C-alpha atoms as a PDB file:
ATOM      1  CA  MET A   1       0.000   0.000   0.000  1.00  0.00           C
ATOM      2  CA  LYS A   2       2.787   2.422   0.894  1.00  0.00           C
ATOM      3  CA  LYS A   3       4.637   1.618  -2.337  1.00  0.00           C
ATOM      4  CA  LEU A   4       1.465   2.229  -4.351  1.00  0.00           C
ATOM      5  CA  LEU A   5       0.939   5.635  -2.721  1.00  0.00           C
ATOM      6  CA  LEU A   6       4.544   6.648  -3.395  1.00  0.00           C
ATOM      7  CA  ALA A   7       4.256   5.635  -7.050  1.00  0.00           C
ATOM      8  CA  THR A   8       1.003   7.586  -7.456  1.00  0.00           C
ATOM      9  CA  THR A   9       2.599  10.689  -5.903  1.00  0.00           C
ATOM     10  CA  ALA A  10       5.593  10.438  -8.248  1.00  0.00           C
ATOM     11  CA  LEU A  11       3.308  10.219 -11.301  1.00  0.00           C
ATOM     12  CA  THR A  12       1.297  13.234 -10.145  1.00  0.00           C
ATOM     13  CA  LEU A  13       4.413  15.345  -9.639  1.00  0.00           C
ATOM     14  CA  SER A  14       5.867  14.409 -13.031  1.00  0.00           C
ATOM     15  CA  ALA A  15       2.693  15.504 -14.839  1.00  0.00           C
ATOM     16  CA  GLY A  16       3.963  19.101 -14.747  1.00  0.00           C
ATOM     17  CA  VAL A  17       7.182  18.257 -16.598  1.00  0.00           C
ATOM     18  CA  ALA A  18       7.295  18.458 -20.412  1.00  0.00           C
ATOM     19  CA  ALA A  19      10.078  17.651 -22.863  1.00  0.00           C
ATOM     20  CA  ALA A  20      11.421  20.556 -24.942  1.00  0.00           C
ATOM     21  CA  ASP A  21      13.795  21.092 -27.839  1.00  0.00           C
ATOM     22  CA  VAL A  22      17.108  22.644 -26.789  1.00  0.00           C
ATOM     23  CA  SER A  23      19.247  25.085 -28.767  1.00  0.00           C
ATOM     24  CA  LEU A  24      22.575  26.701 -27.936  1.00  0.00           C
ATOM     25  CA  SER A  25      23.666  30.287 -28.432  1.00  0.00           C
ATOM     26  CA  GLY A  26      26.333  32.504 -26.949  1.00  0.00           C
ATOM     27  CA  ASP A  27      28.023  35.853 -26.829  1.00  0.00           C
ATOM     28  CA  GLY A  28      31.495  37.178 -26.194  1.00  0.00           C
ATOM     29  CA  ARG A  29      33.454  40.379 -25.910  1.00  0.00           C
ATOM     30  CA  MET A  30      37.020  41.555 -25.497  1.00  0.00           C
ATOM     31  CA  GLY A  31      38.653  44.950 -25.222  1.00  0.00           C
ATOM     32  CA  ILE A  32      40.453  47.511 -23.108  1.00  0.00           C
ATOM     33  CA  VAL A  33      38.834  49.445 -20.253  1.00  0.00           C
ATOM     34  CA  TYR A  34      40.066  52.761 -18.860  1.00  0.00           C
ATOM     35  CA  ASP A  35      38.582  53.749 -15.491  1.00  0.00           C
ATOM     36  CA  GLY A  36      40.106  57.228 -15.359  1.00  0.00           C
ATOM     37  CA  ASP A  37      43.312  56.068 -13.669  1.00  0.00           C
ATOM     38  CA  ASP A  38      44.398  52.739 -15.147  1.00  0.00           C
ATOM     39  CA  PHE A  39      43.951  50.576 -18.234  1.00  0.00           C
ATOM     40  CA  SER A  40      42.883  46.939 -17.937  1.00  0.00           C
ATOM     41  CA  LEU A  41      41.951  44.086 -20.271  1.00  0.00           C
ATOM     42  CA  THR A  42      38.456  42.619 -20.263  1.00  0.00           C
ATOM     43  CA  SER A  43      36.975  39.547 -21.946  1.00  0.00           C
ATOM     44  CA  ARG A  44      33.963  37.322 -21.487  1.00  0.00           C
ATOM     45  CA  ALA A  45      32.371  34.315 -23.200  1.00  0.00           C
ATOM     46  CA  ARG A  46      28.972  32.911 -22.230  1.00  0.00           C
ATOM     47  CA  VAL A  47      26.750  30.067 -23.466  1.00  0.00           C
ATOM     48  CA  THR A  48      22.948  30.162 -23.251  1.00  0.00           C
ATOM     49  CA  PHE A  49      20.593  27.173 -23.365  1.00  0.00           C
ATOM     50  CA  THR A  50      17.162  27.921 -24.862  1.00  0.00           C
ATOM     51  CA  LEU A  51      14.287  25.449 -24.499  1.00  0.00           C
ATOM     52  CA  SER A  52      11.132  25.480 -26.625  1.00  0.00           C
ATOM     53  CA  GLY A  53       8.135  23.247 -27.247  1.00  0.00           C
ATOM     54  CA  GLU A  54       4.399  23.077 -27.822  1.00  0.00           C
ATOM     55  CA  THR A  55       1.686  21.116 -26.045  1.00  0.00           C
ATOM     56  CA  ASP A  56      -0.923  18.982 -27.817  1.00  0.00           C
ATOM     57  CA  SER A  57      -3.457  21.759 -27.182  1.00  0.00           C
ATOM     58  CA  GLY A  58      -1.268  24.355 -28.947  1.00  0.00           C
ATOM     59  CA  MET A  59       0.217  26.209 -25.966  1.00  0.00           C
ATOM     60  CA  ALA A  60       3.863  27.235 -26.321  1.00  0.00           C
ATOM     61  CA  PHE A  61       6.335  26.604 -23.499  1.00  0.00           C
ATOM     62  CA  GLY A  62      10.058  26.927 -22.959  1.00  0.00           C
ATOM     63  CA  GLY A  63      12.785  28.510 -20.915  1.00  0.00           C
ATOM     64  CA  SER A  64      16.378  29.695 -20.933  1.00  0.00           C
ATOM     65  CA  PHE A  65      19.427  29.845 -18.698  1.00  0.00           C
ATOM     66  CA  ARG A  66      23.152  30.501 -19.027  1.00  0.00           C
ATOM     67  CA  ALA A  67      25.653  27.706 -18.510  1.00  0.00           C
ATOM     68  CA  ASP A  68      27.224  29.567 -15.559  1.00  0.00           C
ATOM     69  CA  ASN A  69      23.765  29.719 -13.908  1.00  0.00           C
ATOM     70  CA  ALA A  70      22.855  26.046 -14.372  1.00  0.00           C
ATOM     71  CA  SER A  71      22.760  25.258 -10.646  1.00  0.00           C
ATOM     72  CA  GLY A  72      20.516  28.237  -9.858  1.00  0.00           C
ATOM     73  CA  ALA A  73      18.245  27.426 -12.819  1.00  0.00           C
ATOM     74  CA  ALA A  74      17.638  23.962 -11.364  1.00  0.00           C
ATOM     75  CA  SER A  75      16.321  25.531  -8.138  1.00  0.00           C
ATOM     76  CA  GLY A  76      14.372  28.414  -9.747  1.00  0.00           C
ATOM     77  CA  THR A  77      16.696  31.213  -8.622  1.00  0.00           C
ATOM     78  CA  ALA A  78      18.263  31.707 -12.073  1.00  0.00           C
ATOM     79  CA  GLY A  79      17.024  31.295 -15.625  1.00  0.00           C
ATOM     80  CA  SER A  80      13.295  31.142 -16.352  1.00  0.00           C
ATOM     81  CA  VAL A  81      10.491  28.899 -17.594  1.00  0.00           C
ATOM     82  CA  PHE A  82       7.305  30.031 -19.359  1.00  0.00           C
ATOM     83  CA  ILE A  83       4.037  28.853 -20.869  1.00  0.00           C
ATOM     84  CA  SER A  84       1.937  30.999 -23.216  1.00  0.00           C
ATOM     85  CA  GLY A  85      -1.281  30.899 -25.189  1.00  0.00           C
ATOM     86  CA  ASP A  86      -4.443  32.899 -25.828  1.00  0.00           C
ATOM     87  CA  PHE A  87      -4.576  33.593 -22.079  1.00  0.00           C
ATOM     88  CA  GLY A  88      -1.226  35.447 -22.158  1.00  0.00           C
ATOM     89  CA  LYS A  89       2.168  34.395 -20.876  1.00  0.00           C
ATOM     90  CA  LEU A  90       3.148  33.094 -17.432  1.00  0.00           C
ATOM     91  CA  SER A  91       6.850  32.960 -16.521  1.00  0.00           C
ATOM     92  CA  MET A  92       8.626  31.803 -13.381  1.00  0.00           C
ATOM     93  CA  GLY A  93      12.224  31.905 -12.190  1.00  0.00           C
ATOM     94  CA  ASP A  94      14.634  34.832 -12.216  1.00  0.00           C
ATOM     95  CA  VAL A  95      12.143  37.102 -13.984  1.00  0.00           C
ATOM     96  CA  SER A  96      11.432  40.831 -13.657  1.00  0.00           C
ATOM     97  CA  GLY A  97       8.732  42.219 -11.422  1.00  0.00           C
ATOM     98  CA  ALA A  98       5.691  43.689 -13.182  1.00  0.00           C
ATOM     99  CA  ALA A  99       6.835  47.313 -12.750  1.00  0.00           C
ATOM    100  CA  ARG A 100      10.219  46.621 -14.361  1.00  0.00           C
ATOM    101  CA  ALA A 101       8.597  44.555 -17.128  1.00  0.00           C
ATOM    102  CA  ALA A 102       6.330  47.513 -17.958  1.00  0.00           C
ATOM    103  CA  THR A 103       8.620  50.565 -17.659  1.00  0.00           C
ATOM    104  CA  GLY A 104      12.016  48.902 -18.168  1.00  0.00           C
ATOM    105  CA  ASP A 105      15.503  50.406 -17.941  1.00  0.00           C
ATOM    106  CA  LEU A 106      17.567  52.938 -19.855  1.00  0.00           C
ATOM    107  CA  TYR A 107      20.011  52.129 -22.640  1.00  0.00           C
ATOM    108  CA  GLY A 108      23.527  50.902 -21.899  1.00  0.00           C
ATOM    109  CA  VAL A 109      26.634  52.490 -23.411  1.00  0.00           C
ATOM    110  CA  GLY A 110      30.208  51.206 -23.611  1.00  0.00           C
ATOM    111  CA  LEU A 111      32.100  47.945 -24.158  1.00  0.00           C
ATOM    112  CA  THR A 112      31.161  46.266 -20.876  1.00  0.00           C
ATOM    113  CA  GLY A 113      27.557  47.373 -21.380  1.00  0.00           C
ATOM    114  CA  LEU A 114      27.121  45.749 -24.799  1.00  0.00           C
ATOM    115  CA  GLY A 115      23.634  44.274 -24.822  1.00  0.00           C
ATOM    116  CA  ASP A 116      23.032  45.548 -21.294  1.00  0.00           C
ATOM    117  CA  LEU A 117      20.982  48.409 -19.861  1.00  0.00           C
ATOM    118  CA  ASN A 118      21.547  51.209 -17.384  1.00  0.00           C
ATOM    119  CA  GLU A 119      19.636  49.600 -14.548  1.00  0.00           C
ATOM    120  CA  MET A 120      17.092  51.574 -12.544  1.00  0.00           C
ATOM    121  CA  ALA A 121      16.482  50.982  -8.819  1.00  0.00           C
ATOM    122  CA  TYR A 122      13.503  48.618  -8.708  1.00  0.00           C
ATOM    123  CA  VAL A 123      12.200  46.927  -5.562  1.00  0.00           C
ATOM    124  CA  ASP A 124      12.404  43.514  -7.242  1.00  0.00           C
ATOM    125  CA  ARG A 125      16.147  44.043  -7.732  1.00  0.00           C
ATOM    126  CA  LEU A 126      16.514  45.112  -4.102  1.00  0.00           C
ATOM    127  CA  LEU A 127      14.838  41.912  -2.937  1.00  0.00           C
ATOM    128  CA  ASN A 128      16.868  39.699  -5.263  1.00  0.00           C
ATOM    129  CA  GLY A 129      19.691  40.400  -2.784  1.00  0.00           C
ATOM    130  CA  ILE A 130      17.463  39.841   0.258  1.00  0.00           C
ATOM    131  CA  ASP A 131      20.329  39.034   2.663  1.00  0.00           C
ATOM    132  CA  ALA A 132      22.073  42.343   1.938  1.00  0.00           C
ATOM    133  CA  THR A 133      18.738  44.151   2.201  1.00  0.00           C
ATOM    134  CA  ALA A 134      17.957  42.578   5.596  1.00  0.00           C
ATOM    135  CA  CYS A 135      21.396  43.552   6.887  1.00  0.00           C
ATOM    136  CA  MET A 136      20.891  47.111   5.630  1.00  0.00           C
ATOM    137  CA  ILE A 137      17.558  47.325   7.467  1.00  0.00           C
ATOM    138  CA  ALA A 138      19.075  45.915  10.669  1.00  0.00           C
ATOM    139  CA  GLY A 139      21.932  48.429  10.468  1.00  0.00           C
ATOM    140  CA  CYS A 140      24.727  45.856  10.444  1.00  0.00           C
ATOM    141  CA  PRO A 141      28.217  47.299  11.102  1.00  0.00           C
ATOM    142  CA  SER A 142      30.856  47.127   8.392  1.00  0.00           C
ATOM    143  CA  GLY A 143      32.154  43.609   7.854  1.00  0.00           C
ATOM    144  CA  PHE A 144      29.000  41.862   9.070  1.00  0.00           C
ATOM    145  CA  ALA A 145      26.741  39.858   6.758  1.00  0.00           C
ATOM    146  CA  VAL A 146      23.381  38.280   7.571  1.00  0.00           C
ATOM    147  CA  GLN A 147      22.171  34.984   6.089  1.00  0.00           C
ATOM    148  CA  THR A 148      18.379  34.752   6.305  1.00  0.00           C
ATOM    149  CA  GLY A 149      17.742  31.756   4.077  1.00  0.00           C
ATOM    150  CA  LEU A 150      15.086  33.848   2.287  1.00  0.00           C
ATOM    151  CA  SER A 151      14.515  34.140  -1.466  1.00  0.00           C
ATOM    152  CA  VAL A 152      11.837  35.878  -3.549  1.00  0.00           C
ATOM    153  CA  ARG A 153      12.767  33.647  -6.470  1.00  0.00           C
ATOM    154  CA  PRO A 154      11.262  31.854  -8.267  1.00  0.00           C
ATOM    155  CA  ARG A 155       9.164  34.945  -9.003  1.00  0.00           C
ATOM    156  CA  ALA A 156       6.008  34.620 -11.130  1.00  0.00           C
ATOM    157  CA  LEU A 157       5.254  37.148 -13.902  1.00  0.00           C
ATOM    158  CA  TYR A 158       2.026  37.252 -15.941  1.00  0.00           C
ATOM    159  CA  GLU A 159       1.783  39.247 -19.199  1.00  0.00           C
ATOM    160  CA  TYR A 160      -1.096  39.848 -21.578  1.00  0.00           C
ATOM    161  CA  SER A 161      -1.093  42.024 -24.725  1.00  0.00           C
ATOM    162  CA  ILE A 162      -3.812  43.075 -27.160  1.00  0.00           C
ATOM    163  CA  ASP A 163      -3.893  45.872 -29.782  1.00  0.00           C
ATOM    164  CA  GLY A 164      -0.777  47.634 -28.458  1.00  0.00           C
ATOM    165  CA  PHE A 165      -1.919  47.518 -24.829  1.00  0.00           C
ATOM    166  CA  SER A 166      -0.061  45.280 -22.356  1.00  0.00           C
ATOM    167  CA  VAL A 167      -0.703  44.479 -18.696  1.00  0.00           C
ATOM    168  CA  TYR A 168       1.614  42.826 -16.194  1.00  0.00           C
ATOM    169  CA  ALA A 169       1.260  41.289 -12.727  1.00  0.00           C
ATOM    170  CA  SER A 170       3.933  39.655 -10.590  1.00  0.00           C
ATOM    171  CA  VAL A 171       4.401  38.078  -7.187  1.00  0.00           C
ATOM    172  CA  GLY A 172       7.581  37.064  -5.425  1.00  0.00           C
ATOM    173  CA  ASN A 173       7.937  33.682  -3.772  1.00  0.00           C
ATOM    174  CA  PRO A 174       6.416  34.134  -0.264  1.00  0.00           C
ATOM    175  CA  SER A 175       9.313  33.199   1.964  1.00  0.00           C
ATOM    176  CA  THR A 176       9.642  32.752   5.725  1.00  0.00           C
ATOM    177  CA  SER A 177      12.817  31.798   7.570  1.00  0.00           C
ATOM    178  CA  ARG A 178      13.706  30.848  11.131  1.00  0.00           C
ATOM    179  CA  ARG A 179      17.367  30.348  10.291  1.00  0.00           C
ATOM    180  CA  VAL A 180      19.007  33.755  10.708  1.00  0.00           C
ATOM    181  CA  SER A 181      22.795  33.590  11.022  1.00  0.00           C
ATOM    182  CA  ALA A 182      25.629  36.048  10.502  1.00  0.00           C
ATOM    183  CA  THR A 183      29.325  36.274   9.699  1.00  0.00           C
ATOM    184  CA  PHE A 184      31.983  38.878  10.356  1.00  0.00           C
ATOM    185  CA  MET A 185      34.740  39.058   7.740  1.00  0.00           C
ATOM    186  CA  GLY A 186      33.691  35.563   6.686  1.00  0.00           C
ATOM    187  CA  PHE A 187      33.756  34.033  10.178  1.00  0.00           C
ATOM    188  CA  PRO A 188      30.600  32.752  11.985  1.00  0.00           C
ATOM    189  CA  VAL A 189      29.063  35.040  14.613  1.00  0.00           C
ATOM    190  CA  PHE A 190      27.390  33.787  17.803  1.00  0.00           C
ATOM    191  CA  SER A 191      23.620  34.185  18.091  1.00  0.00           C
ATOM    192  CA  ASP A 192      23.823  36.637  21.020  1.00  0.00           C
ATOM    193  CA  THR A 193      25.939  38.939  18.846  1.00  0.00           C
ATOM    194  CA  ILE A 194      23.222  38.862  16.170  1.00  0.00           C
ATOM    195  CA  ASP A 195      20.676  39.850  18.823  1.00  0.00           C
ATOM    196  CA  ASN A 196      22.827  42.828  19.822  1.00  0.00           C
ATOM    197  CA  LEU A 197      23.147  43.923  16.205  1.00  0.00           C
ATOM    198  CA  THR A 198      19.440  43.707  15.419  1.00  0.00           C
ATOM    199  CA  GLY A 199      18.063  44.908  18.772  1.00  0.00           C
ATOM    200  CA  GLY A 200      16.325  41.622  19.588  1.00  0.00           C
ATOM    201  CA  ASP A 201      15.970  37.969  18.737  1.00  0.00           C
ATOM    202  CA  PHE A 202      14.948  37.263  15.143  1.00  0.00           C
ATOM    203  CA  THR A 203      13.002  34.026  15.588  1.00  0.00           C
ATOM    204  CA  LYS A 204      11.128  34.532  12.325  1.00  0.00           C
ATOM    205  CA  ILE A 205      11.668  36.826   9.339  1.00  0.00           C
ATOM    206  CA  SER A 206       9.505  36.889   6.211  1.00  0.00           C
ATOM    207  CA  VAL A 207       9.337  38.712   2.896  1.00  0.00           C
ATOM    208  CA  ARG A 208       6.391  39.472   0.589  1.00  0.00           C
ATOM    209  CA  GLU A 209       6.434  41.214  -2.826  1.00  0.00           C
ATOM    210  CA  PHE A 210       3.974  41.998  -5.613  1.00  0.00           C
ATOM    211  CA  GLY A 211       3.758  44.344  -8.593  1.00  0.00           C
ATOM    212  CA  VAL A 212       1.460  45.528 -11.397  1.00  0.00           C
ATOM    213  CA  GLY A 213       2.167  47.408 -14.625  1.00  0.00           C
ATOM    214  CA  ALA A 214       0.707  48.537 -17.935  1.00  0.00           C
ATOM    215  CA  ALA A 215       2.090  49.830 -21.232  1.00  0.00           C
ATOM    216  CA  TYR A 216       0.588  51.201 -24.454  1.00  0.00           C
ATOM    217  CA  SER A 217       2.400  51.391 -27.808  1.00  0.00           C
ATOM    218  CA  ILE A 218       1.361  53.238 -30.953  1.00  0.00           C
ATOM    219  CA  ASP A 219       3.715  53.468 -33.932  1.00  0.00           C
ATOM    220  CA  ALA A 220       7.167  54.333 -32.475  1.00  0.00           C
ATOM    221  CA  PHE A 221       5.859  55.637 -29.125  1.00  0.00           C
ATOM    222  CA  THR A 222       5.408  53.672 -25.889  1.00  0.00           C
ATOM    223  CA  VAL A 223       4.166  54.954 -22.539  1.00  0.00           C
ATOM    224  CA  ALA A 224       4.117  52.803 -19.418  1.00  0.00           C
ATOM    225  CA  MET A 225       3.474  52.839 -15.679  1.00  0.00           C
ATOM    226  CA  GLY A 226       4.244  50.373 -12.909  1.00  0.00           C
ATOM    227  CA  TYR A 227       3.786  49.904  -9.174  1.00  0.00           C
ATOM    228  CA  GLU A 228       5.561  47.489  -6.837  1.00  0.00           C
ATOM    229  CA  ASP A 229       5.228  46.842  -3.125  1.00  0.00           C
ATOM    230  CA  ALA A 230       7.345  44.756  -0.750  1.00  0.00           C
ATOM    231  CA  ARG A 231       7.426  44.070   2.980  1.00  0.00           C
ATOM    232  CA  ILE A 232      10.090  42.512   5.166  1.00  0.00           C
ATOM    233  CA  SER A 233       8.853  41.703   8.661  1.00  0.00           C
ATOM    234  CA  ALA A 234      10.490  40.128  11.703  1.00  0.00           C
ATOM    235  CA  SER A 235       8.954  38.723  14.857  1.00  0.00           C
ATOM    236  CA  GLY A 236      10.000  36.935  18.033  1.00  0.00           C
ATOM    237  CA  GLY A 237      12.123  37.731  21.046  1.00  0.00           C
ATOM    238  CA  THR A 238      11.240  40.113  23.850  1.00  0.00           C
ATOM    239  CA  GLU A 239      10.960  43.289  21.751  1.00  0.00           C
ATOM    240  CA  PRO A 240       8.153  44.143  19.298  1.00  0.00           C
ATOM    241  CA  ARG A 241       9.391  44.100  15.711  1.00  0.00           C
ATOM    242  CA  GLU A 242       8.441  46.553  12.983  1.00  0.00           C
ATOM    243  CA  SER A 243       8.005  45.831   9.300  1.00  0.00           C
ATOM    244  CA  PHE A 244      10.020  47.463   6.546  1.00  0.00           C
ATOM    245  CA  THR A 245       7.777  48.409   3.623  1.00  0.00           C
ATOM    246  CA  ALA A 246       8.952  49.591   0.206  1.00  0.00           C
ATOM    247  CA  LYS A 247       6.564  51.143  -2.325  1.00  0.00           C
ATOM    248  CA  HIS A 248       7.681  52.228  -5.779  1.00  0.00           C
ATOM    249  CA  LEU A 249       5.740  53.984  -8.570  1.00  0.00           C
ATOM    250  CA  THR A 250       7.386  54.233 -12.002  1.00  0.00           C
ATOM    251  CA  ALA A 251       6.556  55.784 -15.379  1.00  0.00           C
ATOM    252  CA  SER A 252       8.361  55.936 -18.720  1.00  0.00           C
ATOM    253  CA  ALA A 253       7.937  57.332 -22.225  1.00  0.00           C
ATOM    254  CA  GLU A 254       9.932  55.954 -25.153  1.00  0.00           C
ATOM    255  CA  TYR A 255      10.393  56.739 -28.838  1.00  0.00           C
ATOM    256  CA  ASP A 256      12.081  54.113 -31.029  1.00  0.00           C
ATOM    257  CA  ALA A 257      12.248  54.678 -34.778  1.00  0.00           C
ATOM    258  CA  GLY A 258      15.070  52.228 -35.459  1.00  0.00           C
ATOM    259  CA  ASP A 259      17.940  54.590 -36.269  1.00  0.00           C
ATOM    260  CA  PHE A 260      16.997  56.871 -33.392  1.00  0.00           C
ATOM    261  CA  ALA A 261      15.704  55.990 -29.948  1.00  0.00           C
ATOM    262  CA  GLY A 262      15.122  57.967 -26.780  1.00  0.00           C
ATOM    263  CA  LYS A 263      13.555  57.300 -23.390  1.00  0.00           C
ATOM    264  CA  VAL A 264      12.502  59.297 -20.325  1.00  0.00           C
ATOM    265  CA  PHE A 265      12.065  57.559 -16.967  1.00  0.00           C
ATOM    266  CA  VAL A 266      10.723  58.858 -13.639  1.00  0.00           C
ATOM    267  CA  GLY A 267      10.030  57.109 -10.347  1.00  0.00           C
ATOM    268  CA  ARG A 268       8.918  57.764  -6.802  1.00  0.00           C
ATOM    269  CA  ALA A 269       9.750  55.499  -3.866  1.00  0.00           C
ATOM    270  CA  SER A 270       8.623  55.463  -0.245  1.00  0.00           C
END
């Protein structure tokens, strides 16, 4: 009976896995960088795996990840997987929040920025480095680092477009941890030292994140708006704990005629 139950569970779990065709691509660069004081050499080569397929009902699915991110892609913290159809597109993994998907970034310039963007300060990026964010909130002294065991990835992003109008919605992986530890200059720190740093005993710390966005394109013009909200809360110990809340409203206007492109971006955070 136990063996039968285990086999049934395994079949149920595998029903969400589909085979996909795999293709390889890559990029590379090399050159000389001058930082205002010194010259240095720079080079990079990367390989990307792209997966694609189609279900019997006609829905497209796939994913992608870089070879150097293979381990993270297996756990949902790097790369991404998607499924799309008449209902829109749903992606999970290391994907943008809805505000960033709608309003985007500015254009990158320079050798080491080839194919990259000048990144804006989005909440979803802040929470991608949740350990550093938690330490910043706690006011950790220089040299200290906190390990919370938290992650907002895999993040889920939904997109739907019709007649030039696009909407976006996202939610980070709801994460709660009771395993807060710290290091100083790479060495473990005792729990009572962590309590002194944070003003109390972190017995539980959690993170929540969501976002919405919309964009409209007509000819070469695109206007977009986005909103994202995140909360990091801690509880436990003898002292009441307060939550850290981040709210971010963004807007952008872009003109792209091929040979010429320009973009204006504004944001307000609280």
